[in-house]
């Protein structure tokens, strides 16, 4: 969590083959561009990876360990971008931790996508992208649309063959195999998004403007695949993906994923948390803003609770909660954004450790246009995006997070300072300072935080940018 937050014009874009101006558009010409079914919310997070898997991080300068010292076990994967490896069937992790070459040993906890709620399917029609109008992305000047900004999506991959993402992906890597170990000979190509989550997230950040208008039309994408078609991503995969994004000079990382960890922490869990912090801080020191989803379990996240949500409560992240339109009639854009969209989505985490709010969609309204419209991956394993179904409607903090990542790309595109921690902090602070303060109250819990404003972030003066 970034503790420096205040805490307490896209003129036109193509929609199908027609032009969207100031949020008013004609429907796409062909029913072949129908929305696919929304991808169902993922299974509840499991607390741990398969038994007896351990992430071993070596000390800086130490050599790779072929075997885990005096502890029994076998190495099942080398962490290429982090100086470490994954070992299986380790009977004595304490003995492994005693090795002088080892920094930490921790059980390989799984995280899951903060996935969306299904709401059905329909055709892409006018005024469905209320989210872009709510944050005023459609008013951002053409000169500040994410030029030269690289956004690294740590997720299920990106369908780089989709008409709205073609040419957008400038780097890709896979950190996943079918057994959820890391890495392995069964690693899927990074461009095959068999889950669909990563492509939907990516289409909020940037597109070619054919079917959906994005936050940052001129930004580029990096695909770090950590999720298979179903199931979770191990810590090893996530940490190595963060380091890969960092080493390849991503300007922004988006992680629409997470899991809950119970307190008090064991020594191994504390070691895992410490390593998470180390990876996030290394990214920030390199000039990378790390944006994450708050979570979809409708619970408070703050230091007083008997649990933590990772990475939402890891220091150094920009943690995003989800808002929704409170009106139930369509079109939603007829209401003034300041009056009609500052309601917390009922699924969203809330509390002191939410840094900023952004549109995530209203899962309770049985209308696809109440949610977030974005790309539907043609490689989705459930077949939901075949037969010309190119877009899908989803909701969740997963959908809110890339709005903030996209605005971070807008700020990056106008930054004139060198890469490094100072630039990272300046972009983070600009996200907060340019937001419109709103108060979210759930029972006795009340917090005032900024709601994302793309226009202000792209145009107003921000210190250090």
Protein backbone atom coordinates (compact mmCIF):
# COMPACT_ATOMS: atom_id res chain seq x y z
CA UNK A 1 0.00 0.00 0.00
CA UNK A 2 1.40 3.39 -0.92
CA UNK A 3 1.27 5.50 2.22
CA UNK A 4 1.83 8.81 0.42
CA UNK A 5 -1.74 8.91 -0.88
CA UNK A 6 -4.06 11.58 0.58
CA UNK A 7 -5.91 8.80 2.38
CA UNK A 8 -8.45 10.72 4.55
CA UNK A 9 -9.50 14.12 -24.37
CA UNK A 10 -10.10 11.26 -26.09
CA UNK A 11 -11.95 13.21 -28.84
CA UNK A 12 -13.14 10.12 -30.69
CA UNK A 13 -12.60 6.40 -30.99
CA UNK A 14 -13.74 3.76 -33.40
CA UNK A 15 -16.59 1.50 -32.34
CA UNK A 16 -16.86 -1.30 -34.87
CA UNK A 17 -16.61 0.74 -38.04
CA UNK A 18 -18.50 3.75 -36.72
CA UNK A 19 -17.28 6.76 -34.77
CA UNK A 20 -17.83 7.46 -31.09
CA UNK A 21 -17.87 11.17 -30.27
CA UNK A 22 -18.25 12.40 -26.70
CA UNK A 23 -19.71 9.07 -25.62
CA UNK A 24 -22.52 8.93 -28.14
CA UNK A 25 -22.16 6.14 -30.67
CA UNK A 26 -24.03 4.14 -33.22
CA UNK A 27 -24.26 0.40 -32.58
CA UNK A 28 -21.77 -1.77 -34.39
CA UNK A 29 -22.86 -2.79 -37.83
CA UNK A 30 -22.78 -6.56 -37.53
CA UNK A 31 -24.30 -9.00 -34.99
CA UNK A 32 -21.12 -11.04 -35.45
CA UNK A 33 -19.58 -8.69 -32.87
CA UNK A 34 -22.02 -9.88 -30.21
CA UNK A 35 -20.80 -10.00 -26.65
CA UNK A 36 -19.75 -13.40 -25.41
CA UNK A 37 -20.95 -14.74 -22.05
CA UNK A 38 -19.23 -13.23 -19.07
CA UNK A 39 -16.59 -15.42 -17.46
CA UNK A 40 -17.76 -16.80 -14.14
CA UNK A 41 -16.13 -15.74 -10.91
CA UNK A 42 -13.18 -17.95 -10.00
CA UNK A 43 -13.26 -20.54 -7.25
CA UNK A 44 -12.68 -19.27 -3.71
CA UNK A 45 -8.97 -18.83 -3.03
CA UNK A 46 -7.25 -21.94 -1.69
CA UNK A 47 -4.75 -21.10 1.04
CA UNK A 48 -1.83 -23.15 -0.21
CA UNK A 49 -0.29 -24.68 -3.33
CA UNK A 50 0.09 -28.49 -3.63
CA UNK A 51 1.67 -29.96 -0.47
CA UNK A 52 5.38 -29.69 0.16
CA UNK A 53 6.17 -27.07 -2.47
CA UNK A 54 8.54 -24.37 -1.28
CA UNK A 55 9.85 -21.20 -2.88
CA UNK A 56 13.55 -20.81 -2.11
CA UNK A 57 15.05 -17.34 -2.62
CA UNK A 58 18.86 -17.25 -2.66
CA UNK A 59 20.99 -14.50 -1.22
CA UNK A 60 22.30 -11.96 -3.71
CA UNK A 61 25.40 -13.36 -5.39
CA UNK A 62 24.73 -16.93 -4.25
CA UNK A 63 24.80 -19.77 -6.76
CA UNK A 64 21.78 -21.83 -7.68
CA UNK A 65 21.29 -24.89 -5.47
CA UNK A 66 20.87 -28.13 -7.40
CA UNK A 67 19.58 -29.87 -4.25
CA UNK A 68 18.05 -28.41 -1.09
CA UNK A 69 21.05 -29.01 1.17
CA UNK A 70 20.39 -31.34 4.05
CA UNK A 71 16.61 -31.27 3.50
CA UNK A 72 15.17 -33.95 1.26
CA UNK A 73 13.34 -32.87 -1.86
CA UNK A 74 13.74 -32.13 -5.54
CA UNK A 75 13.94 -28.92 -7.52
CA UNK A 76 10.97 -28.61 -9.90
CA UNK A 77 11.52 -25.15 -11.33
CA UNK A 78 14.09 -22.40 -11.65
CA UNK A 79 12.93 -18.81 -11.12
CA UNK A 80 14.67 -17.08 -13.98
CA UNK A 81 14.10 -13.44 -13.10
CA UNK A 82 14.28 -13.89 -9.34
CA UNK A 83 17.32 -15.56 -7.84
CA UNK A 84 15.48 -18.63 -6.62
CA UNK A 85 13.77 -21.92 -7.35
CA UNK A 86 10.81 -24.12 -6.37
CA UNK A 87 11.37 -27.39 -4.53
CA UNK A 88 8.86 -30.20 -4.02
CA UNK A 89 8.57 -32.89 -1.33
CA UNK A 90 10.81 -31.08 1.13
CA UNK A 91 10.59 -32.93 4.45
CA UNK A 92 12.60 -30.43 6.43
CA UNK A 93 12.22 -26.85 5.20
CA UNK A 94 13.92 -25.52 8.34
CA UNK A 95 17.11 -27.36 7.35
CA UNK A 96 16.91 -25.81 3.90
CA UNK A 97 16.49 -22.35 5.41
CA UNK A 98 19.70 -22.87 7.39
CA UNK A 99 21.75 -23.03 4.19
CA UNK A 100 24.00 -19.93 4.16
CA UNK A 101 23.13 -19.33 0.49
CA UNK A 102 19.40 -19.08 1.23
CA UNK A 103 17.57 -15.83 2.02
CA UNK A 104 14.13 -17.31 2.64
CA UNK A 105 12.03 -20.45 2.34
CA UNK A 106 8.27 -20.15 2.11
CA UNK A 107 5.36 -22.38 1.17
CA UNK A 108 4.11 -21.71 -2.34
CA UNK A 109 0.81 -19.92 -1.67
CA UNK A 110 -1.69 -19.57 -4.51
CA UNK A 111 -3.45 -16.40 -5.65
CA UNK A 112 -6.52 -16.24 -7.88
CA UNK A 113 -7.89 -13.72 -10.35
CA UNK A 114 -10.27 -11.29 -8.70
CA UNK A 115 -12.74 -12.54 -11.28
CA UNK A 116 -15.97 -11.10 -12.57
CA UNK A 117 -19.60 -11.94 -11.97
CA UNK A 118 -21.60 -13.32 -14.96
CA UNK A 119 -24.48 -11.18 -16.11
CA UNK A 120 -25.45 -12.68 -19.48
CA UNK A 121 -24.70 -11.62 -23.05
CA UNK A 122 -26.03 -9.18 -25.62
CA UNK A 123 -24.84 -6.98 -28.48
CA UNK A 124 -22.50 -4.10 -28.15
CA UNK A 125 -24.71 -1.00 -28.24
CA UNK A 126 -24.50 2.73 -27.76
CA UNK A 127 -23.43 4.30 -24.48
CA UNK A 128 -22.43 1.02 -22.83
CA UNK A 129 -19.00 2.29 -21.83
CA UNK A 130 -20.26 4.46 -18.99
CA UNK A 131 -17.00 3.72 -17.18
CA UNK A 132 -14.88 5.68 -19.67
CA UNK A 133 -17.25 8.64 -19.43
CA UNK A 134 -17.37 8.41 -15.64
CA UNK A 135 -13.58 8.86 -15.37
CA UNK A 136 -13.60 11.31 -18.33
CA UNK A 137 -11.17 9.24 -20.39
CA UNK A 138 -13.07 10.33 -23.51
CA UNK A 139 -12.02 13.95 -22.80
CA UNK A 140 -8.26 13.34 -22.47
CA UNK A 141 -6.26 15.33 -25.08
CA UNK A 142 -4.76 13.36 -27.93
CA UNK A 143 -1.26 14.46 -26.92
CA UNK A 144 -1.49 12.58 -23.59
CA UNK A 145 -2.96 9.17 -24.46
CA UNK A 146 -0.27 6.87 -23.08
CA UNK A 147 2.39 7.39 -25.74
CA UNK A 148 5.57 5.40 -24.95
CA UNK A 149 4.02 3.88 -21.81
CA UNK A 150 4.37 0.11 -21.29
CA UNK A 151 1.76 -1.58 -19.09
CA UNK A 152 2.64 -5.11 -17.91
CA UNK A 153 -0.44 -7.28 -17.33
CA UNK A 154 0.33 -10.07 -14.83
CA UNK A 155 -2.66 -12.30 -15.49
CA UNK A 156 -3.80 -15.15 -17.77
CA UNK A 157 -2.10 -13.87 -20.91
CA UNK A 158 -3.33 -11.60 -23.70
CA UNK A 159 -5.07 -12.58 -26.93
CA UNK A 160 -2.74 -10.60 -29.17
CA UNK A 161 -4.60 -11.81 -32.26
CA UNK A 162 -7.84 -10.05 -31.25
CA UNK A 163 -8.74 -7.17 -33.56
CA UNK A 164 -8.61 -4.68 -30.68
CA UNK A 165 -5.26 -5.92 -29.29
CA UNK A 166 -3.36 -6.71 -32.49
CA UNK A 167 -0.03 -4.88 -32.46
CA UNK A 168 -0.44 -3.77 -28.85
CA UNK A 169 1.67 -6.48 -27.18
CA UNK A 170 5.39 -5.62 -27.30
CA UNK A 171 6.71 -8.35 -24.97
CA UNK A 172 5.36 -11.59 -23.52
CA UNK A 173 6.42 -14.43 -21.27
CA UNK A 174 4.70 -17.39 -19.61
CA UNK A 175 5.27 -18.37 -15.99
CA UNK A 176 2.72 -21.16 -15.68
CA UNK A 177 2.28 -24.87 -16.30
CA UNK A 178 -0.65 -27.25 -15.96
CA UNK A 179 0.43 -28.55 -12.54
CA UNK A 180 0.67 -25.03 -11.07
CA UNK A 181 4.34 -25.57 -10.38
CA UNK A 182 6.77 -23.13 -11.88
CA UNK A 183 8.04 -23.17 -14.53
CA UNK A 184 7.62 -26.43 -16.40
CA UNK A 185 7.78 -28.13 -19.78
CA UNK A 186 4.02 -27.71 -20.21
CA UNK A 187 4.15 -23.92 -20.16
CA UNK A 188 1.48 -22.41 -22.40
CA UNK A 189 2.39 -19.78 -24.99
CA UNK A 190 1.96 -16.36 -23.45
CA UNK A 191 -0.31 -15.16 -26.25
CA UNK A 192 -2.91 -17.90 -25.62
CA UNK A 193 -5.31 -16.54 -23.02
CA UNK A 194 -7.28 -19.70 -22.28
CA UNK A 195 -8.90 -18.09 -19.22
CA UNK A 196 -10.01 -14.79 -20.80
CA UNK A 197 -9.40 -12.68 -17.71
CA UNK A 198 -6.13 -11.12 -18.88
CA UNK A 199 -7.48 -10.08 -22.29
CA UNK A 200 -10.51 -8.41 -20.71
CA UNK A 201 -8.25 -6.52 -18.28
CA UNK A 202 -5.92 -5.50 -21.13
CA UNK A 203 -8.75 -4.14 -23.26
CA UNK A 204 -9.60 -1.62 -20.55
CA UNK A 205 -6.02 -0.29 -20.56
CA UNK A 206 -5.57 0.04 -24.33
CA UNK A 207 -7.11 -1.12 -27.62
CA UNK A 208 -7.11 -0.30 -31.30
CA UNK A 209 -10.45 1.46 -30.80
CA UNK A 210 -12.45 -0.94 -32.99
CA UNK A 211 -14.97 -2.43 -30.58
CA UNK A 212 -14.19 -0.77 -27.26
CA UNK A 213 -12.61 2.56 -26.35
CA UNK A 214 -9.82 2.24 -23.73
CA UNK A 215 -8.27 4.48 -21.09
CA UNK A 216 -4.90 4.89 -22.84
CA UNK A 217 -5.30 4.36 -26.62
CA UNK A 218 -1.59 4.80 -27.39
CA UNK A 219 -0.08 2.68 -24.62
CA UNK A 220 1.62 -0.68 -25.23
CA UNK A 221 1.12 -3.96 -23.40
CA UNK A 222 3.43 -6.56 -21.91
CA UNK A 223 1.90 -9.99 -21.20
CA UNK A 224 3.14 -11.90 -18.13
CA UNK A 225 1.06 -15.08 -18.02
CA UNK A 226 0.69 -16.60 -14.53
CA UNK A 227 -2.78 -18.19 -14.74
CA UNK A 228 -3.77 -21.30 -16.71
CA UNK A 229 -7.30 -21.85 -18.03
CA UNK A 230 -8.52 -22.59 -14.49
CA UNK A 231 -6.95 -22.47 -11.07
CA UNK A 232 -4.53 -20.23 -9.29
CA UNK A 233 -1.06 -18.78 -9.72
CA UNK A 234 1.77 -19.63 -7.33
CA UNK A 235 3.86 -17.08 -5.53
CA UNK A 236 6.86 -18.23 -7.53
CA UNK A 237 5.12 -17.38 -10.80
CA UNK A 238 3.86 -14.02 -9.55
CA UNK A 239 7.20 -12.92 -8.09
CA UNK A 240 9.13 -13.94 -11.18
CA UNK A 241 6.58 -12.18 -13.38
CA UNK A 242 6.98 -8.97 -11.34
CA UNK A 243 10.74 -9.19 -11.75
CA UNK A 244 10.37 -9.84 -15.51
CA UNK A 245 8.13 -6.78 -15.90
CA UNK A 246 10.65 -4.75 -13.92
CA UNK A 247 13.70 -5.96 -15.82
CA UNK A 248 11.94 -5.17 -19.10
CA UNK A 249 11.22 -1.60 -17.96
CA UNK A 250 7.46 -1.71 -17.59
CA UNK A 251 6.11 1.68 -16.60
CA UNK A 252 3.05 0.17 -14.92
CA UNK A 253 2.21 -3.30 -13.62
CA UNK A 254 -1.42 -4.38 -13.26
CA UNK A 255 -2.28 -7.33 -11.01
CA UNK A 256 -5.99 -8.12 -10.94
CA UNK A 257 -5.44 -11.06 -8.62
CA UNK A 258 -5.23 -11.90 -4.97
CA UNK A 259 -5.73 -14.23 -2.04
CA UNK A 260 -6.49 -14.01 1.67
CA UNK A 261 -3.91 -14.94 4.31
CA UNK A 262 -4.87 -15.47 7.96
CA UNK A 263 -3.09 -13.81 10.87
CA UNK A 264 -1.03 -14.33 12.94
CA UNK A 265 1.55 -15.16 10.31
CA UNK A 266 3.78 -18.18 10.66
CA UNK A 267 7.49 -17.67 10.08
CA UNK A 268 7.09 -18.99 6.52
CA UNK A 269 4.12 -16.73 5.78
CA UNK A 270 6.00 -13.72 7.13
CA UNK A 271 8.93 -14.64 4.88
CA UNK A 272 6.54 -14.78 1.93
CA UNK A 273 5.15 -11.36 2.80
CA UNK A 274 8.65 -9.93 3.13
CA UNK A 275 9.57 -11.26 -0.31
CA UNK A 276 6.38 -9.82 -1.82
CA UNK A 277 7.34 -6.43 -0.37
CA UNK A 278 10.87 -6.79 -1.74
CA UNK A 279 9.62 -7.51 -5.27
CA UNK A 280 7.13 -4.62 -5.22
CA UNK A 281 9.71 -2.18 -3.88
CA UNK A 282 12.28 -3.31 -6.47
CA UNK A 283 9.73 -2.56 -9.20
CA UNK A 284 8.99 0.88 -7.76
CA UNK A 285 12.70 1.67 -7.44
CA UNK A 286 13.03 0.93 -11.17
CA UNK A 287 10.26 3.39 -12.03
CA UNK A 288 7.31 0.98 -12.20
CA UNK A 289 3.93 1.81 -10.64
CA UNK A 290 2.24 -1.33 -9.27
CA UNK A 291 -1.59 -1.27 -9.46
CA UNK A 292 -3.62 -4.09 -7.86
CA UNK A 293 -7.25 -5.05 -7.33
CA UNK A 294 -8.64 -4.77 -3.79
CA UNK A 295 -10.67 -8.00 -3.94
CA UNK A 296 -14.26 -9.12 -4.42
CA UNK A 297 -15.26 -10.50 -1.03
CA UNK A 298 -17.15 -7.47 0.35
CA UNK A 299 -14.93 -7.18 3.40
CA UNK A 300 -12.91 -4.53 5.15
CA UNK A 301 -9.16 -4.47 4.57
CA UNK A 302 -7.12 -2.60 7.15
CA UNK A 303 -4.37 -3.47 9.65
CA UNK A 304 -6.83 -4.25 12.45
CA UNK A 305 -8.30 -7.31 10.76
CA UNK A 306 -7.35 -10.95 11.44
CA UNK A 307 -6.37 -11.46 7.81
CA UNK A 308 -4.63 -9.76 4.92
CA UNK A 309 -5.39 -9.74 1.20
CA UNK A 310 -2.27 -10.07 -0.96
CA UNK A 311 -1.12 -8.14 -2.93
CA UNK A 312 -3.79 -5.55 -2.03
CA UNK A 313 -2.25 -4.96 1.41
CA UNK A 314 1.40 -5.24 0.38
CA UNK A 315 3.27 -1.97 0.87
CA UNK A 316 4.01 -0.11 -2.35
CA UNK A 317 0.89 -1.09 -4.26
CA UNK A 318 -1.86 1.22 -5.52
CA UNK A 319 -4.94 -0.70 -4.34
CA UNK A 320 -8.17 -0.18 -6.28
CA UNK A 321 -11.73 -0.60 -5.07
CA UNK A 322 -14.71 -0.82 -7.44
CA UNK A 323 -17.60 1.59 -7.97
CA UNK A 324 -20.84 1.01 -9.83
CA UNK A 325 -23.76 2.99 -11.26
CA UNK A 326 -26.50 3.08 -8.65
CA UNK A 327 -29.24 3.75 -11.19
CA UNK A 328 -31.03 0.72 -12.60
CA UNK A 329 -32.34 2.22 -15.82
CA UNK A 330 -30.45 2.37 -19.10
CA UNK A 331 -28.68 4.35 -20.50
CA UNK A 332 -26.62 4.97 -17.40
CA UNK A 333 -24.67 7.88 -18.90
CA UNK A 334 -27.69 10.19 -18.64
CA UNK A 335 -26.83 10.76 -14.97
CA UNK A 336 -24.05 13.18 -14.05
CA UNK A 337 -21.00 11.04 -13.25
CA UNK A 338 -20.33 12.87 -9.99
CA UNK A 339 -23.83 12.03 -8.82
CA UNK A 340 -24.44 8.67 -10.41
CA UNK A 341 -21.31 6.59 -10.04
CA UNK A 342 -19.80 7.13 -6.62
CA UNK A 343 -21.44 4.06 -5.08
CA UNK A 344 -19.25 1.19 -3.90
CA UNK A 345 -19.90 -2.01 -5.81
CA UNK A 346 -21.38 -4.47 -3.35
CA UNK A 347 -18.67 -7.06 -3.93
CA UNK A 348 -15.71 -4.69 -3.49
CA UNK A 349 -13.35 -4.70 -0.54
CA UNK A 350 -13.36 -1.41 1.38
CA UNK A 351 -11.58 0.25 4.27
CA UNK A 352 -8.33 2.04 5.06
CA UNK A 353 -6.18 -0.06 2.73
CA UNK A 354 -8.12 0.88 -0.40
CA UNK A 355 -6.18 3.74 -2.02
CA UNK A 356 -8.43 4.77 -4.90
CA UNK A 357 -11.78 3.94 -6.49
CA UNK A 358 -12.56 3.22 -10.14
CA UNK A 359 -15.42 1.71 -12.18
CA UNK A 360 -15.83 -2.03 -11.71
CA UNK A 361 -19.44 -2.63 -12.68
CA UNK A 362 -22.76 -3.36 -10.99
CA UNK A 363 -23.10 -7.11 -10.73
CA UNK A 364 -26.53 -6.86 -9.10
CA UNK A 365 -28.14 -5.33 -12.19
CA UNK A 366 -28.98 -7.99 -14.76
CA UNK A 367 -27.80 -5.88 -17.68
CA UNK A 368 -24.47 -6.39 -19.40
CA UNK A 369 -24.22 -2.65 -20.01
CA UNK A 370 -24.07 -2.02 -16.25
CA UNK A 371 -20.69 -3.73 -16.14
CA UNK A 372 -17.40 -3.26 -17.97
CA UNK A 373 -17.30 -4.07 -21.69
CA UNK A 374 -13.96 -5.31 -22.97
CA UNK A 375 -12.17 -7.91 -25.08
CA UNK A 376 -13.23 -11.56 -25.15
CA UNK A 377 -10.29 -13.92 -25.79
CA UNK A 378 -10.73 -16.26 -28.75
CA UNK A 379 -8.58 -18.85 -26.91
CA UNK A 380 -10.88 -19.08 -23.90
CA UNK A 381 -11.11 -22.72 -22.90
CA UNK A 382 -14.86 -22.65 -22.23
CA UNK A 383 -15.55 -21.66 -25.84
CA UNK A 384 -17.37 -18.52 -24.78
CA UNK A 385 -15.67 -16.31 -27.36
CA UNK A 386 -16.09 -18.28 -30.56
CA UNK A 387 -18.40 -17.62 -33.49
CA UNK A 388 -17.63 -13.93 -33.77
CA UNK A 389 -18.23 -13.08 -30.11
CA UNK A 390 -15.44 -10.57 -29.64
CA UNK A 391 -16.43 -8.71 -26.47
CA UNK A 392 -17.79 -9.57 -23.05
CA UNK A 393 -19.35 -7.81 -20.08
CA UNK A 394 -17.78 -8.40 -16.67
CA UNK A 395 -17.62 -6.81 -13.24
CA UNK A 396 -15.21 -6.90 -10.32
CA UNK A 397 -12.25 -5.12 -8.81
CA UNK A 398 -10.31 -6.89 -11.58
CA UNK A 399 -12.07 -4.53 -13.97
CA UNK A 400 -11.51 -1.46 -11.77
CA UNK A 401 -7.76 -1.96 -11.44
CA UNK A 402 -6.86 -1.58 -15.16
CA UNK A 403 -8.68 1.75 -15.29
CA UNK A 404 -6.13 3.03 -12.77
CA UNK A 405 -3.25 1.30 -14.59
CA UNK A 406 -4.37 3.02 -17.78
CA UNK A 407 -4.45 6.43 -16.12
CA UNK A 408 -0.98 5.77 -14.69
CA UNK A 409 0.07 5.25 -18.33
CA UNK A 410 -1.45 8.62 -19.25
CA UNK A 411 0.59 10.31 -16.53
CA UNK A 412 3.71 8.41 -17.63
CA UNK A 413 3.28 9.69 -21.18
CA UNK A 414 3.69 13.28 -20.00
CA UNK A 415 6.47 12.66 -17.48
CA UNK A 416 9.83 14.28 -18.18
CA UNK A 417 11.83 12.88 -15.24
CA UNK A 418 14.12 9.82 -15.44
CA UNK A 419 12.99 6.36 -14.38
CA UNK A 420 13.36 5.62 -10.69
CA UNK A 421 11.59 5.76 -7.36
CA UNK A 422 11.06 9.52 -7.50
CA UNK A 423 9.12 9.20 -10.76
CA UNK A 424 7.12 6.26 -9.39
CA UNK A 425 6.12 8.22 -6.31
CA UNK A 426 5.24 11.28 -8.38
CA UNK A 427 2.92 9.23 -10.63
CA UNK A 428 1.31 7.55 -7.62
CA UNK A 429 0.75 10.89 -5.93
CA UNK A 430 -0.68 12.37 -9.13
CA UNK A 431 -3.21 9.52 -9.32
CA UNK A 432 -4.41 10.40 -5.83
CA UNK A 433 -4.21 14.19 -6.09
CA UNK A 434 -6.13 14.30 -9.38
CA UNK A 435 -8.94 12.09 -8.15
CA UNK A 436 -12.29 13.39 -6.97
CA UNK A 437 -12.62 12.71 -3.24
CA UNK A 438 -15.58 10.54 -2.30
CA UNK A 439 -16.65 9.02 0.99
CA UNK A 440 -17.43 5.32 1.06
CA UNK A 441 -19.34 4.24 4.15
CA UNK A 442 -20.25 0.65 4.99
CA UNK A 443 -21.87 0.40 8.40
CA UNK A 444 -19.57 2.15 10.86
CA UNK A 445 -16.62 1.99 8.47
CA UNK A 446 -16.15 5.29 6.63
CA UNK A 447 -13.21 6.40 4.50
CA UNK A 448 -12.65 9.29 2.13
CA UNK A 449 -10.49 8.43 -0.87
CA UNK A 450 -10.09 9.71 -4.45
CA UNK A 451 -12.22 8.38 -7.28
CA UNK A 452 -10.21 8.14 -10.51
CA UNK A 453 -10.33 11.12 -12.87
CA UNK A 454 -8.39 10.51 -16.10
CA UNK A 455 -8.82 14.03 -17.44
CA UNK A 456 -7.38 15.70 -14.36
CA UNK A 457 -4.57 13.17 -14.11
CA UNK A 458 -3.58 13.79 -17.73
CA UNK A 459 -3.78 17.57 -17.64
CA UNK A 460 -3.43 19.12 -14.19
CA UNK A 461 -0.11 20.10 -12.63
CA UNK A 462 1.43 17.35 -10.50
CA UNK A 463 4.69 17.77 -8.57
CA UNK A 464 7.65 15.77 -9.84
CA UNK A 465 6.10 14.72 -13.15
